Amino acid sequence: MLWILSELAHLDSADERFDAKMTVLIENVRHHVEEEEKEWFPEVRKAMGRNRLQEVGTQLEAARSTAPRSPLAVPSARK
Protein backbone atom coordinates (compact mmCIF):
# COMPACT_ATOMS: atom_id res chain seq x y z
CA MET A 1 0.00 0.00 0.00
CA LEU A 2 2.87 2.37 0.63
CA TRP A 3 3.86 2.40 -3.02
CA ILE A 4 0.40 3.60 -4.04
CA LEU A 5 0.31 6.20 -1.26
CA SER A 6 3.64 7.47 -2.50
CA GLU A 7 2.32 7.70 -6.06
CA LEU A 8 -0.86 9.46 -4.95
CA ALA A 9 1.12 11.97 -2.89
CA HIS A 10 2.79 13.18 -6.07
CA LEU A 11 -0.26 13.04 -8.30
CA ASP A 12 -2.74 15.83 -8.89
CA SER A 13 -6.36 14.80 -8.32
CA ALA A 14 -7.16 15.99 -11.86
CA ASP A 15 -4.67 13.49 -13.32
CA GLU A 16 -6.41 10.78 -15.33
CA ARG A 17 -4.63 8.08 -13.28
CA PHE A 18 -5.74 9.45 -9.90
CA ASP A 19 -9.18 7.79 -9.71
CA ALA A 20 -7.86 4.38 -10.75
CA LYS A 21 -5.05 4.52 -8.18
CA MET A 22 -7.44 5.69 -5.48
CA THR A 23 -9.77 2.77 -6.28
CA VAL A 24 -6.87 0.33 -5.94
CA LEU A 25 -5.91 1.90 -2.61
CA ILE A 26 -9.48 1.69 -1.28
CA GLU A 27 -9.76 -1.98 -2.27
CA ASN A 28 -6.40 -2.78 -0.67
CA VAL A 29 -7.41 -1.09 2.57
CA ARG A 30 -10.78 -2.86 2.64
CA HIS A 31 -9.11 -6.23 2.09
CA HIS A 32 -6.54 -5.52 4.80
CA VAL A 33 -9.20 -4.46 7.32
CA GLU A 34 -11.34 -7.50 6.57
CA GLU A 35 -8.36 -9.83 6.98
CA GLU A 36 -7.43 -8.26 10.31
CA GLU A 37 -10.97 -8.30 11.69
CA LYS A 38 -11.78 -11.87 10.64
CA GLU A 39 -8.45 -13.63 11.02
CA TRP A 40 -5.87 -11.75 13.07
CA PHE A 41 -7.87 -9.96 15.76
CA PRO A 42 -9.66 -13.06 17.06
CA GLU A 43 -6.31 -14.83 17.45
CA VAL A 44 -4.75 -11.84 19.19
CA ARG A 45 -7.72 -11.60 21.56
CA LYS A 46 -7.35 -15.27 22.49
CA ALA A 47 -3.60 -15.02 22.98
CA MET A 48 -3.47 -11.74 24.94
CA GLY A 49 -6.67 -11.53 26.93
CA ARG A 50 -8.80 -8.51 27.75
CA ASN A 51 -6.55 -6.89 30.39
CA ARG A 52 -3.38 -6.98 28.27
CA LEU A 53 -5.29 -5.66 25.24
CA GLN A 54 -6.55 -2.75 27.32
CA GLU A 55 -2.97 -2.01 28.43
CA VAL A 56 -1.76 -2.03 24.83
CA GLY A 57 -4.66 0.24 23.84
CA THR A 58 -3.69 2.72 26.55
CA GLN A 59 -0.06 2.67 25.35
CA LEU A 60 -1.10 3.21 21.73
CA GLU A 61 -3.34 6.11 22.70
CA ALA A 62 -0.45 7.73 24.60
CA ALA A 63 1.87 7.28 21.61
CA ARG A 64 -0.62 8.88 19.22
CA SER A 65 0.51 12.42 20.01
CA THR A 66 4.07 11.72 18.85
CA ALA A 67 3.24 9.40 15.94
CA PRO A 68 3.94 10.54 12.37
CA ARG A 69 0.85 11.95 10.64
CA SER A 70 1.83 10.63 7.22
CA PRO A 71 2.32 6.89 6.62
CA LEU A 72 5.17 7.87 4.33
CA ALA A 73 6.96 9.48 7.29
CA VAL A 74 7.27 6.15 9.12
CA PRO A 75 10.92 5.02 9.01
CA SER A 76 10.00 1.53 7.79
CA ALA A 77 8.26 3.09 4.77
CA ARG A 78 11.57 4.36 3.47
CA LYS A 79 13.27 0.95 3.34
PDB file of N, CA and C in Angstrom:
ATOM      1  N   MET A   1       0.805  -1.192   0.000  1.00  0.00           N
ATOM      2  CA  MET A   1       0.000   0.000   0.000  1.00  0.00           C
ATOM      3  C   MET A   1       0.855   1.265   0.000  1.00  0.00           C
ATOM      4  N   LEU A   2       2.042   1.174   0.573  1.00  0.00           N
ATOM      5  CA  LEU A   2       2.869   2.374   0.635  1.00  0.00           C
ATOM      6  C   LEU A   2       3.263   2.873  -0.744  1.00  0.00           C
ATOM      7  N   TRP A   3       3.473   1.968  -1.673  1.00  0.00           N
ATOM      8  CA  TRP A   3       3.857   2.405  -3.020  1.00  0.00           C
ATOM      9  C   TRP A   3       2.755   3.242  -3.649  1.00  0.00           C
ATOM     10  N   ILE A   4       1.500   2.838  -3.425  1.00  0.00           N
ATOM     11  CA  ILE A   4       0.397   3.597  -4.037  1.00  0.00           C
ATOM     12  C   ILE A   4       0.187   4.923  -3.305  1.00  0.00           C
ATOM     13  N   LEU A   5       0.398   4.935  -1.992  1.00  0.00           N
ATOM     14  CA  LEU A   5       0.312   6.200  -1.259  1.00  0.00           C
ATOM     15  C   LEU A   5       1.379   7.170  -1.756  1.00  0.00           C
ATOM     16  N   SER A   6       2.560   6.642  -1.990  1.00  0.00           N
ATOM     17  CA  SER A   6       3.638   7.475  -2.499  1.00  0.00           C
ATOM     18  C   SER A   6       3.292   8.047  -3.871  1.00  0.00           C
ATOM     19  N   GLU A   7       2.718   7.221  -4.731  1.00  0.00           N
ATOM     20  CA  GLU A   7       2.320   7.698  -6.056  1.00  0.00           C
ATOM     21  C   GLU A   7       1.216   8.750  -5.957  1.00  0.00           C
ATOM     22  N   LEU A   8       0.239   8.512  -5.107  1.00  0.00           N
ATOM     23  CA  LEU A   8      -0.865   9.465  -4.950  1.00  0.00           C
ATOM     24  C   LEU A   8      -0.391  10.790  -4.367  1.00  0.00           C
ATOM     25  N   ALA A   9       0.605  10.743  -3.509  1.00  0.00           N
ATOM     26  CA  ALA A   9       1.115  11.971  -2.889  1.00  0.00           C
ATOM     27  C   ALA A   9       1.707  12.921  -3.926  1.00  0.00           C
ATOM     28  N   HIS A  10       2.160  12.359  -5.031  1.00  0.00           N
ATOM     29  CA  HIS A  10       2.788  13.178  -6.071  1.00  0.00           C
ATOM     30  C   HIS A  10       1.910  13.341  -7.304  1.00  0.00           C
ATOM     31  N   LEU A  11       0.645  13.003  -7.159  1.00  0.00           N
ATOM     32  CA  LEU A  11      -0.261  13.041  -8.301  1.00  0.00           C
ATOM     33  C   LEU A  11      -1.370  14.053  -8.047  1.00  0.00           C
ATOM     34  N   ASP A  12      -1.649  14.877  -8.995  1.00  0.00           N
ATOM     35  CA  ASP A  12      -2.742  15.835  -8.891  1.00  0.00           C
ATOM     36  C   ASP A  12      -4.068  15.079  -9.019  1.00  0.00           C
ATOM     37  N   SER A  13      -5.069  15.488  -8.267  1.00  0.00           N
ATOM     38  CA  SER A  13      -6.361  14.800  -8.318  1.00  0.00           C
ATOM     39  C   SER A  13      -7.033  14.922  -9.678  1.00  0.00           C
ATOM     40  N   ALA A  14      -6.608  15.855 -10.501  1.00  0.00           N
ATOM     41  CA  ALA A  14      -7.162  15.989 -11.856  1.00  0.00           C
ATOM     42  C   ALA A  14      -6.478  15.047 -12.858  1.00  0.00           C
ATOM     43  N   ASP A  15      -5.379  14.423 -12.436  1.00  0.00           N
ATOM     44  CA  ASP A  15      -4.671  13.489 -13.317  1.00  0.00           C
ATOM     45  C   ASP A  15      -5.578  12.305 -13.648  1.00  0.00           C
ATOM     46  N   GLU A  16      -5.533  11.871 -14.884  1.00  0.00           N
ATOM     47  CA  GLU A  16      -6.413  10.782 -15.334  1.00  0.00           C
ATOM     48  C   GLU A  16      -6.133   9.467 -14.602  1.00  0.00           C
ATOM     49  N   ARG A  17      -4.967   9.314 -14.007  1.00  0.00           N
ATOM     50  CA  ARG A  17      -4.625   8.081 -13.276  1.00  0.00           C
ATOM     51  C   ARG A  17      -5.069   8.111 -11.815  1.00  0.00           C
ATOM     52  N   PHE A  18      -5.428   9.291 -11.324  1.00  0.00           N
ATOM     53  CA  PHE A  18      -5.735   9.449  -9.904  1.00  0.00           C
ATOM     54  C   PHE A  18      -6.887   8.554  -9.448  1.00  0.00           C
ATOM     55  N   ASP A  19      -8.018   8.576 -10.135  1.00  0.00           N
ATOM     56  CA  ASP A  19      -9.184   7.786  -9.712  1.00  0.00           C
ATOM     57  C   ASP A  19      -8.890   6.293  -9.691  1.00  0.00           C
ATOM     58  N   ALA A  20      -8.179   5.809 -10.692  1.00  0.00           N
ATOM     59  CA  ALA A  20      -7.855   4.378 -10.746  1.00  0.00           C
ATOM     60  C   ALA A  20      -6.954   3.987  -9.574  1.00  0.00           C
ATOM     61  N   LYS A  21      -5.950   4.809  -9.296  1.00  0.00           N
ATOM     62  CA  LYS A  21      -5.046   4.516  -8.184  1.00  0.00           C
ATOM     63  C   LYS A  21      -5.774   4.600  -6.846  1.00  0.00           C
ATOM     64  N   MET A  22      -6.673   5.568  -6.715  1.00  0.00           N
ATOM     65  CA  MET A  22      -7.444   5.691  -5.479  1.00  0.00           C
ATOM     66  C   MET A  22      -8.340   4.465  -5.281  1.00  0.00           C
ATOM     67  N   THR A  23      -8.937   3.974  -6.352  1.00  0.00           N
ATOM     68  CA  THR A  23      -9.772   2.774  -6.275  1.00  0.00           C
ATOM     69  C   THR A  23      -8.954   1.570  -5.823  1.00  0.00           C
ATOM     70  N   VAL A  24      -7.752   1.427  -6.354  1.00  0.00           N
ATOM     71  CA  VAL A  24      -6.874   0.331  -5.937  1.00  0.00           C
ATOM     72  C   VAL A  24      -6.531   0.466  -4.459  1.00  0.00           C
ATOM     73  N   LEU A  25      -6.227   1.670  -4.015  1.00  0.00           N
ATOM     74  CA  LEU A  25      -5.911   1.897  -2.606  1.00  0.00           C
ATOM     75  C   LEU A  25      -7.093   1.529  -1.716  1.00  0.00           C
ATOM     76  N   ILE A  26      -8.279   1.976  -2.073  1.00  0.00           N
ATOM     77  CA  ILE A  26      -9.479   1.685  -1.281  1.00  0.00           C
ATOM     78  C   ILE A  26      -9.700   0.182  -1.179  1.00  0.00           C
ATOM     79  N   GLU A  27      -9.571  -0.528  -2.284  1.00  0.00           N
ATOM     80  CA  GLU A  27      -9.761  -1.978  -2.266  1.00  0.00           C
ATOM     81  C   GLU A  27      -8.701  -2.671  -1.416  1.00  0.00           C
ATOM     82  N   ASN A  28      -7.464  -2.204  -1.496  1.00  0.00           N
ATOM     83  CA  ASN A  28      -6.403  -2.781  -0.668  1.00  0.00           C
ATOM     84  C   ASN A  28      -6.668  -2.570   0.812  1.00  0.00           C
ATOM     85  N   VAL A  29      -7.112  -1.380   1.166  1.00  0.00           N
ATOM     86  CA  VAL A  29      -7.412  -1.085   2.572  1.00  0.00           C
ATOM     87  C   VAL A  29      -8.582  -1.936   3.050  1.00  0.00           C
ATOM     88  N   ARG A  30      -9.631  -2.030   2.255  1.00  0.00           N
ATOM     89  CA  ARG A  30     -10.783  -2.864   2.641  1.00  0.00           C
ATOM     90  C   ARG A  30     -10.376  -4.310   2.857  1.00  0.00           C
ATOM     91  N   HIS A  31      -9.568  -4.842   1.960  1.00  0.00           N
ATOM     92  CA  HIS A  31      -9.109  -6.226   2.088  1.00  0.00           C
ATOM     93  C   HIS A  31      -8.281  -6.399   3.359  1.00  0.00           C
ATOM     94  N   HIS A  32      -7.390  -5.458   3.610  1.00  0.00           N
ATOM     95  CA  HIS A  32      -6.537  -5.517   4.797  1.00  0.00           C
ATOM     96  C   HIS A  32      -7.371  -5.481   6.078  1.00  0.00           C
ATOM     97  N   VAL A  33      -8.337  -4.581   6.136  1.00  0.00           N
ATOM     98  CA  VAL A  33      -9.200  -4.461   7.316  1.00  0.00           C
ATOM     99  C   VAL A  33      -9.998  -5.746   7.528  1.00  0.00           C
ATOM    100  N   GLU A  34     -10.556  -6.269   6.460  1.00  0.00           N
ATOM    101  CA  GLU A  34     -11.344  -7.501   6.571  1.00  0.00           C
ATOM    102  C   GLU A  34     -10.474  -8.654   7.082  1.00  0.00           C
ATOM    103  N   GLU A  35      -9.276  -8.772   6.553  1.00  0.00           N
ATOM    104  CA  GLU A  35      -8.359  -9.830   6.978  1.00  0.00           C
ATOM    105  C   GLU A  35      -8.027  -9.694   8.463  1.00  0.00           C
ATOM    106  N   GLU A  36      -7.741  -8.473   8.898  1.00  0.00           N
ATOM    107  CA  GLU A  36      -7.427  -8.256  10.310  1.00  0.00           C
ATOM    108  C   GLU A  36      -8.614  -8.602  11.201  1.00  0.00           C
ATOM    109  N   GLU A  37      -9.794  -8.102  10.849  1.00  0.00           N
ATOM    110  CA  GLU A  37     -10.965  -8.301  11.690  1.00  0.00           C
ATOM    111  C   GLU A  37     -11.388  -9.761  11.768  1.00  0.00           C
ATOM    112  N   LYS A  38     -11.288 -10.483  10.672  1.00  0.00           N
ATOM    113  CA  LYS A  38     -11.782 -11.869  10.644  1.00  0.00           C
ATOM    114  C   LYS A  38     -10.741 -12.898  11.049  1.00  0.00           C
ATOM    115  N   GLU A  39      -9.469 -12.624  10.768  1.00  0.00           N
ATOM    116  CA  GLU A  39      -8.447 -13.628  11.015  1.00  0.00           C
ATOM    117  C   GLU A  39      -7.512 -13.275  12.163  1.00  0.00           C
ATOM    118  N   TRP A  40      -6.906 -12.083  12.106  1.00  0.00           N
ATOM    119  CA  TRP A  40      -5.868 -11.748  13.067  1.00  0.00           C
ATOM    120  C   TRP A  40      -6.412 -11.353  14.435  1.00  0.00           C
ATOM    121  N   PHE A  41      -7.381 -10.463  14.474  1.00  0.00           N
ATOM    122  CA  PHE A  41      -7.868  -9.959  15.758  1.00  0.00           C
ATOM    123  C   PHE A  41      -8.415 -11.056  16.667  1.00  0.00           C
ATOM    124  N   PRO A  42      -9.202 -11.996  16.164  1.00  0.00           N
ATOM    125  CA  PRO A  42      -9.664 -13.064  17.063  1.00  0.00           C
ATOM    126  C   PRO A  42      -8.513 -13.857  17.687  1.00  0.00           C
ATOM    127  N   GLU A  43      -7.461 -14.100  16.918  1.00  0.00           N
ATOM    128  CA  GLU A  43      -6.309 -14.829  17.447  1.00  0.00           C
ATOM    129  C   GLU A  43      -5.562 -14.002  18.492  1.00  0.00           C
ATOM    130  N   VAL A  44      -5.429 -12.721  18.235  1.00  0.00           N
ATOM    131  CA  VAL A  44      -4.751 -11.842  19.191  1.00  0.00           C
ATOM    132  C   VAL A  44      -5.558 -11.757  20.483  1.00  0.00           C
ATOM    133  N   ARG A  45      -6.877 -11.652  20.355  1.00  0.00           N
ATOM    134  CA  ARG A  45      -7.721 -11.596  21.559  1.00  0.00           C
ATOM    135  C   ARG A  45      -7.551 -12.853  22.405  1.00  0.00           C
ATOM    136  N   LYS A  46      -7.524 -14.010  21.756  1.00  0.00           N
ATOM    137  CA  LYS A  46      -7.349 -15.271  22.485  1.00  0.00           C
ATOM    138  C   LYS A  46      -5.990 -15.317  23.174  1.00  0.00           C
ATOM    139  N   ALA A  47      -4.959 -14.905  22.466  1.00  0.00           N
ATOM    140  CA  ALA A  47      -3.598 -15.017  22.984  1.00  0.00           C
ATOM    141  C   ALA A  47      -3.291 -14.013  24.094  1.00  0.00           C
ATOM    142  N   MET A  48      -3.846 -12.804  24.000  1.00  0.00           N
ATOM    143  CA  MET A  48      -3.471 -11.745  24.938  1.00  0.00           C
ATOM    144  C   MET A  48      -4.443 -11.570  26.098  1.00  0.00           C
ATOM    145  N   GLY A  49      -5.691 -11.759  25.869  1.00  0.00           N
ATOM    146  CA  GLY A  49      -6.668 -11.531  26.928  1.00  0.00           C
ATOM    147  C   GLY A  49      -7.076 -10.072  27.032  1.00  0.00           C
ATOM    148  N   ARG A  50      -8.215  -9.841  27.666  1.00  0.00           N
ATOM    149  CA  ARG A  50      -8.805  -8.510  27.753  1.00  0.00           C
ATOM    150  C   ARG A  50      -7.910  -7.492  28.459  1.00  0.00           C
ATOM    151  N   ASN A  51      -7.343  -7.854  29.618  1.00  0.00           N
ATOM    152  CA  ASN A  51      -6.547  -6.892  30.392  1.00  0.00           C
ATOM    153  C   ASN A  51      -5.313  -6.424  29.623  1.00  0.00           C
ATOM    154  N   ARG A  52      -4.591  -7.360  29.016  1.00  0.00           N
ATOM    155  CA  ARG A  52      -3.384  -6.985  28.270  1.00  0.00           C
ATOM    156  C   ARG A  52      -3.745  -6.142  27.059  1.00  0.00           C
ATOM    157  N   LEU A  53      -4.845  -6.465  26.377  1.00  0.00           N
ATOM    158  CA  LEU A  53      -5.288  -5.660  25.237  1.00  0.00           C
ATOM    159  C   LEU A  53      -5.627  -4.238  25.661  1.00  0.00           C
ATOM    160  N   GLN A  54      -6.240  -4.086  26.828  1.00  0.00           N
ATOM    161  CA  GLN A  54      -6.546  -2.746  27.317  1.00  0.00           C
ATOM    162  C   GLN A  54      -5.269  -1.975  27.632  1.00  0.00           C
ATOM    163  N   GLU A  55      -4.255  -2.655  28.168  1.00  0.00           N
ATOM    164  CA  GLU A  55      -2.969  -2.012  28.435  1.00  0.00           C
ATOM    165  C   GLU A  55      -2.328  -1.533  27.127  1.00  0.00           C
ATOM    166  N   VAL A  56      -2.339  -2.390  26.125  1.00  0.00           N
ATOM    167  CA  VAL A  56      -1.758  -2.031  24.828  1.00  0.00           C
ATOM    168  C   VAL A  56      -2.524  -0.857  24.222  1.00  0.00           C
ATOM    169  N   GLY A  57      -3.853  -0.867  24.343  1.00  0.00           N
ATOM    170  CA  GLY A  57      -4.664   0.235  23.840  1.00  0.00           C
ATOM    171  C   GLY A  57      -4.308   1.553  24.506  1.00  0.00           C
ATOM    172  N   THR A  58      -4.086   1.523  25.805  1.00  0.00           N
ATOM    173  CA  THR A  58      -3.688   2.718  26.550  1.00  0.00           C
ATOM    174  C   THR A  58      -2.316   3.217  26.071  1.00  0.00           C
ATOM    175  N   GLN A  59      -1.386   2.288  25.841  1.00  0.00           N
ATOM    176  CA  GLN A  59      -0.058   2.665  25.352  1.00  0.00           C
ATOM    177  C   GLN A  59      -0.136   3.269  23.944  1.00  0.00           C
ATOM    178  N   LEU A  60      -0.949   2.684  23.090  1.00  0.00           N
ATOM    179  CA  LEU A  60      -1.103   3.208  21.734  1.00  0.00           C
ATOM    180  C   LEU A  60      -1.722   4.601  21.747  1.00  0.00           C
ATOM    181  N   GLU A  61      -2.698   4.792  22.592  1.00  0.00           N
ATOM    182  CA  GLU A  61      -3.336   6.114  22.697  1.00  0.00           C
ATOM    183  C   GLU A  61      -2.333   7.161  23.160  1.00  0.00           C
ATOM    184  N   ALA A  62      -1.471   6.799  24.112  1.00  0.00           N
ATOM    185  CA  ALA A  62      -0.454   7.731  24.601  1.00  0.00           C
ATOM    186  C   ALA A  62       0.567   8.056  23.509  1.00  0.00           C
ATOM    187  N   ALA A  63       0.882   7.089  22.664  1.00  0.00           N
ATOM    188  CA  ALA A  63       1.875   7.284  21.606  1.00  0.00           C
ATOM    189  C   ALA A  63       1.318   8.081  20.427  1.00  0.00           C
ATOM    190  N   ARG A  64       0.013   8.195  20.349  1.00  0.00           N
ATOM    191  CA  ARG A  64      -0.624   8.878  19.220  1.00  0.00           C
ATOM    192  C   ARG A  64      -0.118  10.307  19.035  1.00  0.00           C
ATOM    193  N   SER A  65       0.119  11.014  20.118  1.00  0.00           N
ATOM    194  CA  SER A  65       0.512  12.424  20.010  1.00  0.00           C
ATOM    195  C   SER A  65       1.891  12.611  19.368  1.00  0.00           C
ATOM    196  N   THR A  66       2.736  11.596  19.431  1.00  0.00           N
ATOM    197  CA  THR A  66       4.072  11.715  18.846  1.00  0.00           C
ATOM    198  C   THR A  66       4.227  10.904  17.558  1.00  0.00           C
ATOM    199  N   ALA A  67       3.176  10.238  17.148  1.00  0.00           N
ATOM    200  CA  ALA A  67       3.244   9.400  15.941  1.00  0.00           C
ATOM    201  C   ALA A  67       3.257  10.264  14.685  1.00  0.00           C
ATOM    202  N   PRO A  68       3.958   9.804  13.642  1.00  0.00           N
ATOM    203  CA  PRO A  68       3.943  10.543  12.372  1.00  0.00           C
ATOM    204  C   PRO A  68       2.523  10.634  11.825  1.00  0.00           C
ATOM    205  N   ARG A  69       2.184  11.751  11.216  1.00  0.00           N
ATOM    206  CA  ARG A  69       0.852  11.951  10.640  1.00  0.00           C
ATOM    207  C   ARG A  69       0.728  11.328   9.252  1.00  0.00           C
ATOM    208  N   SER A  70       1.839  11.196   8.565  1.00  0.00           N
ATOM    209  CA  SER A  70       1.834  10.626   7.223  1.00  0.00           C
ATOM    210  C   SER A  70       2.413   9.218   7.266  1.00  0.00           C
ATOM    211  N   PRO A  71       1.757   8.243   6.649  1.00  0.00           N
ATOM    212  CA  PRO A  71       2.321   6.894   6.619  1.00  0.00           C
ATOM    213  C   PRO A  71       3.670   6.853   5.900  1.00  0.00           C
ATOM    214  N   LEU A  72       3.903   7.816   5.037  1.00  0.00           N
ATOM    215  CA  LEU A  72       5.174   7.868   4.326  1.00  0.00           C
ATOM    216  C   LEU A  72       6.298   8.401   5.197  1.00  0.00           C
ATOM    217  N   ALA A  73       5.953   8.958   6.362  1.00  0.00           N
ATOM    218  CA  ALA A  73       6.957   9.477   7.290  1.00  0.00           C
ATOM    219  C   ALA A  73       7.466   8.408   8.256  1.00  0.00           C
ATOM    220  N   VAL A  74       6.845   7.243   8.255  1.00  0.00           N
ATOM    221  CA  VAL A  74       7.272   6.150   9.123  1.00  0.00           C
ATOM    222  C   VAL A  74       8.601   5.604   8.604  1.00  0.00           C
ATOM    223  N   PRO A  75       9.612   5.470   9.473  1.00  0.00           N
ATOM    224  CA  PRO A  75      10.919   5.022   9.006  1.00  0.00           C
ATOM    225  C   PRO A  75      10.887   3.740   8.171  1.00  0.00           C
ATOM    226  N   SER A  76      10.065   2.786   8.535  1.00  0.00           N
ATOM    227  CA  SER A  76      10.005   1.527   7.787  1.00  0.00           C
ATOM    228  C   SER A  76       9.474   1.718   6.373  1.00  0.00           C
ATOM    229  N   ALA A  77       8.796   2.824   6.114  1.00  0.00           N
ATOM    230  CA  ALA A  77       8.256   3.088   4.769  1.00  0.00           C
ATOM    231  C   ALA A  77       9.346   3.491   3.803  1.00  0.00           C
ATOM    232  N   ARG A  78      10.481   3.892   4.334  1.00  0.00           N
ATOM    233  CA  ARG A  78      11.570   4.356   3.475  1.00  0.00           C
ATOM    234  C   ARG A  78      12.548   3.254   3.119  1.00  0.00           C
ATOM    235  N   LYS A  79      12.344   2.065   3.625  1.00  0.00           N
ATOM    236  CA  LYS A  79      13.267   0.951   3.342  1.00  0.00           C
ATOM    237  C   LYS A  79      13.014   0.363   1.989  1.00  0.00           C
TER     238      LYS A  79
END
